[in-house]
Amino acid sequence: MKNIFKNKNILVTGGTGSIGSEIVRQLLEFDPKTIRIFARHEDRHHRLMQEFSSLGEDQKKLRFIIGDVRDRDRLKMAMDEIDIVFHAAALKHVPICEYNPFEVVKTNIIGTQNVIELARDLGIEKVINISTDKAVDPIGILGVSKLVGEKLILASYYYQGNKITKFSCV
């Protein structure tokens, strides 16, 4: 695994969240060229910047980008010249999702579609979609939306054509 991420430009959507920020921490161990941390929460960006302020040279590898996977133009800018995308952006708290189902669709489904389409168009090597156990046998909007996201990722191979992007879900 050391060579998979070495000298790669990596984007982590939802990079300031609980899962996304841990992905960033783990990726630093593999000597990537850059890691772009893409999320919409300014205060979480600030907290993560503070956490990483003691990294020395590794801190220079980090780029903090405020944006939302719903905003295709901003996402395209963040994905420019990226090799690998970890797609962790999601609305994920069950009660909040149940009260805001349309927002869940926009983020978890349309946001995932934006990542897929842009990755194909930009020739990104790999996209790793982060899902949830709630997608296994969904009973609420969170599980359903993450299951649809998984299905979109997997169905992307049906219209792959001559595109190089490899998609996976975890």
Protein backbone atom coordinates (compact mmCIF):
# COMPACT_ATOMS: atom_id res chain seq x y z
CA MET A 1 0.00 0.00 0.00
CA LYS A 2 2.91 2.34 0.50
CA ASN A 3 3.20 2.95 -3.24
CA ILE A 4 -0.51 3.37 -3.98
CA PHE A 5 -0.63 6.84 -2.41
CA LYS A 6 3.01 7.90 -2.63
CA ASN A 7 3.43 11.14 -4.61
CA LYS A 8 -0.29 11.16 -5.50
CA ASN A 9 -2.64 14.11 -5.43
CA ILE A 10 -5.58 13.04 -3.29
CA LEU A 11 -8.94 14.66 -2.63
CA VAL A 12 -11.02 13.79 0.43
CA THR A 13 -14.60 15.02 0.15
CA GLY A 14 -16.09 15.50 3.58
CA GLY A 15 -12.49 15.73 4.69
CA THR A 16 -13.25 17.57 7.93
CA GLY A 17 -15.81 15.03 9.14
CA SER A 18 -15.19 12.14 11.51
CA ILE A 19 -14.38 9.61 8.78
CA GLY A 20 -12.86 12.04 6.28
CA SER A 21 -10.46 13.59 8.78
CA GLU A 22 -9.28 10.15 9.87
CA ILE A 23 -8.67 9.25 6.22
CA VAL A 24 -6.52 12.39 5.96
CA ARG A 25 -4.56 11.40 9.07
CA GLN A 26 -3.96 7.90 7.71
CA LEU A 27 -3.01 9.11 4.22
CA LEU A 28 -0.23 11.29 5.60
CA GLU A 29 1.59 8.08 6.56
CA PHE A 30 1.89 7.13 2.86
CA ASP A 31 3.74 10.23 1.63
CA PRO A 32 1.21 11.67 -0.84
CA LYS A 33 2.15 14.70 -2.90
CA THR A 34 -0.90 16.66 -1.75
CA ILE A 35 -4.15 16.05 0.09
CA ARG A 36 -7.04 18.39 -0.66
CA ILE A 37 -9.52 18.51 2.17
CA PHE A 38 -12.90 19.44 0.70
CA ALA A 39 -15.79 20.27 3.04
CA ARG A 40 -18.31 22.98 3.67
CA HIS A 41 -17.71 23.65 7.37
CA GLU A 42 -15.35 26.57 7.93
CA ASP A 43 -14.98 25.93 11.67
CA ARG A 44 -14.07 22.28 11.10
CA HIS A 45 -11.48 23.34 8.53
CA HIS A 46 -10.03 25.70 11.11
CA ARG A 47 -9.93 23.00 13.82
CA LEU A 48 -8.22 20.55 11.48
CA MET A 49 -5.72 23.20 10.41
CA GLN A 50 -4.90 23.75 14.08
CA GLU A 51 -4.51 20.02 14.64
CA PHE A 52 -2.12 19.67 11.71
CA SER A 53 -0.17 22.87 12.46
CA SER A 54 2.61 20.88 14.15
CA LEU A 55 3.27 18.56 11.20
CA GLY A 56 6.19 20.51 9.80
CA GLU A 57 6.81 19.64 6.15
CA ASP A 58 3.75 17.38 5.97
CA GLN A 59 1.55 20.39 6.70
CA LYS A 60 2.57 21.85 3.32
CA LYS A 61 0.92 18.85 1.62
CA LEU A 62 -2.50 19.83 2.92
CA ARG A 63 -4.89 22.11 1.04
CA PHE A 64 -8.11 23.17 2.77
CA ILE A 65 -10.93 23.87 0.31
CA ILE A 66 -14.36 25.04 1.38
CA GLY A 67 -16.98 23.55 -0.88
CA ASP A 68 -19.92 21.22 -1.20
CA VAL A 69 -20.32 18.13 -3.39
CA ARG A 70 -23.68 19.60 -4.43
CA ASP A 71 -21.81 22.45 -6.16
CA ARG A 72 -20.50 20.79 -9.31
CA ASP A 73 -18.35 23.75 -10.40
CA ARG A 74 -16.59 24.03 -7.04
CA LEU A 75 -16.14 20.26 -6.91
CA LYS A 76 -14.65 20.28 -10.41
CA MET A 77 -12.12 22.89 -9.31
CA ALA A 78 -11.19 20.78 -6.28
CA MET A 79 -10.83 17.64 -8.44
CA ASP A 80 -8.55 19.25 -11.03
CA GLU A 81 -5.27 17.31 -11.36
CA ILE A 82 -6.29 14.81 -8.67
CA ASP A 83 -5.25 11.15 -8.91
CA ILE A 84 -7.40 9.57 -6.18
CA VAL A 85 -10.68 10.65 -4.56
CA PHE A 86 -11.95 9.44 -1.22
CA HIS A 87 -15.63 10.37 -1.24
CA ALA A 88 -16.65 10.69 2.42
CA ALA A 89 -18.99 13.70 2.14
CA ALA A 90 -22.43 12.79 3.42
CA LEU A 91 -25.26 13.70 5.69
CA LYS A 92 -25.12 10.81 8.15
CA HIS A 93 -26.95 11.47 11.42
CA VAL A 94 -30.13 9.40 11.36
CA PRO A 95 -32.55 11.81 13.13
CA ILE A 96 -31.34 14.82 11.14
CA CYS A 97 -31.62 12.84 7.91
CA GLU A 98 -35.17 11.75 8.72
CA TYR A 99 -36.23 15.38 9.23
CA ASN A 100 -34.38 16.64 6.14
CA PRO A 101 -34.80 13.97 3.44
CA PHE A 102 -34.51 16.31 0.45
CA GLU A 103 -31.16 17.59 1.72
CA VAL A 104 -29.99 14.00 2.13
CA VAL A 105 -30.87 13.26 -1.50
CA LYS A 106 -28.97 16.35 -2.68
CA THR A 107 -25.82 15.48 -0.73
CA ASN A 108 -25.70 11.68 -0.58
CA ILE A 109 -27.11 10.88 -4.02
CA ILE A 110 -26.64 13.90 -6.29
CA GLY A 111 -23.30 14.71 -4.65
CA THR A 112 -22.13 11.16 -5.36
CA GLN A 113 -23.31 11.46 -8.96
CA ASN A 114 -21.30 14.68 -9.28
CA VAL A 115 -18.19 12.92 -7.99
CA ILE A 116 -18.67 10.03 -10.45
CA GLU A 117 -19.27 12.18 -13.51
CA LEU A 118 -16.43 14.59 -12.79
CA ALA A 119 -13.99 11.77 -11.99
CA ARG A 120 -14.75 10.19 -15.37
CA ASP A 121 -14.51 13.51 -17.22
CA LEU A 122 -11.24 14.49 -15.52
CA GLY A 123 -9.57 11.09 -15.91
CA ILE A 124 -9.10 10.46 -12.20
CA GLU A 125 -7.46 7.09 -11.47
CA LYS A 126 -9.53 5.93 -8.49
CA VAL A 127 -12.63 6.88 -6.54
CA ILE A 128 -13.27 5.21 -3.20
CA ASN A 129 -16.80 5.80 -1.95
CA ILE A 130 -17.28 5.62 1.82
CA SER A 131 -20.63 4.06 2.68
CA THR A 132 -22.28 2.83 5.88
CA ASP A 133 -23.61 -0.33 7.47
CA LYS A 134 -27.05 1.28 7.26
CA ALA A 135 -27.04 0.66 3.49
CA VAL A 136 -27.19 -3.11 3.99
CA ASP A 137 -30.90 -3.36 4.83
CA PRO A 138 -32.09 0.24 4.81
CA ILE A 139 -35.10 1.31 6.82
CA GLY A 140 -34.60 5.08 6.67
CA ILE A 141 -33.52 7.80 4.29
CA LEU A 142 -29.86 7.65 5.37
CA GLY A 143 -29.53 3.94 4.53
CA VAL A 144 -31.51 4.29 1.32
CA SER A 145 -29.44 7.26 0.16
CA LYS A 146 -26.13 5.51 0.87
CA LEU A 147 -27.39 2.35 -0.87
CA VAL A 148 -28.28 4.42 -3.93
CA GLY A 149 -24.81 5.99 -3.76
CA GLU A 150 -23.26 2.51 -3.75
CA LYS A 151 -25.43 1.46 -6.69
CA LEU A 152 -24.40 4.57 -8.64
CA ILE A 153 -20.72 3.85 -8.00
CA LEU A 154 -21.06 0.24 -9.09
CA ALA A 155 -23.28 1.08 -12.08
CA SER A 156 -20.65 3.51 -13.34
CA TYR A 157 -18.90 0.53 -14.93
CA TYR A 158 -21.88 0.04 -17.27
CA TYR A 159 -21.12 3.35 -18.97
CA GLN A 160 -17.36 3.29 -18.46
CA GLY A 161 -16.52 3.41 -22.17
CA ASN A 162 -12.86 4.25 -22.64
CA LYS A 163 -12.56 6.06 -19.30
CA ILE A 164 -9.80 4.97 -16.93
CA THR A 165 -11.41 5.67 -13.56
CA LYS A 166 -11.73 2.73 -11.16
CA PHE A 167 -14.60 2.95 -8.68
CA SER A 168 -15.02 1.12 -5.39
CA CYS A 169 -17.12 1.24 -2.22
CA VAL A 170 -16.16 0.55 1.37
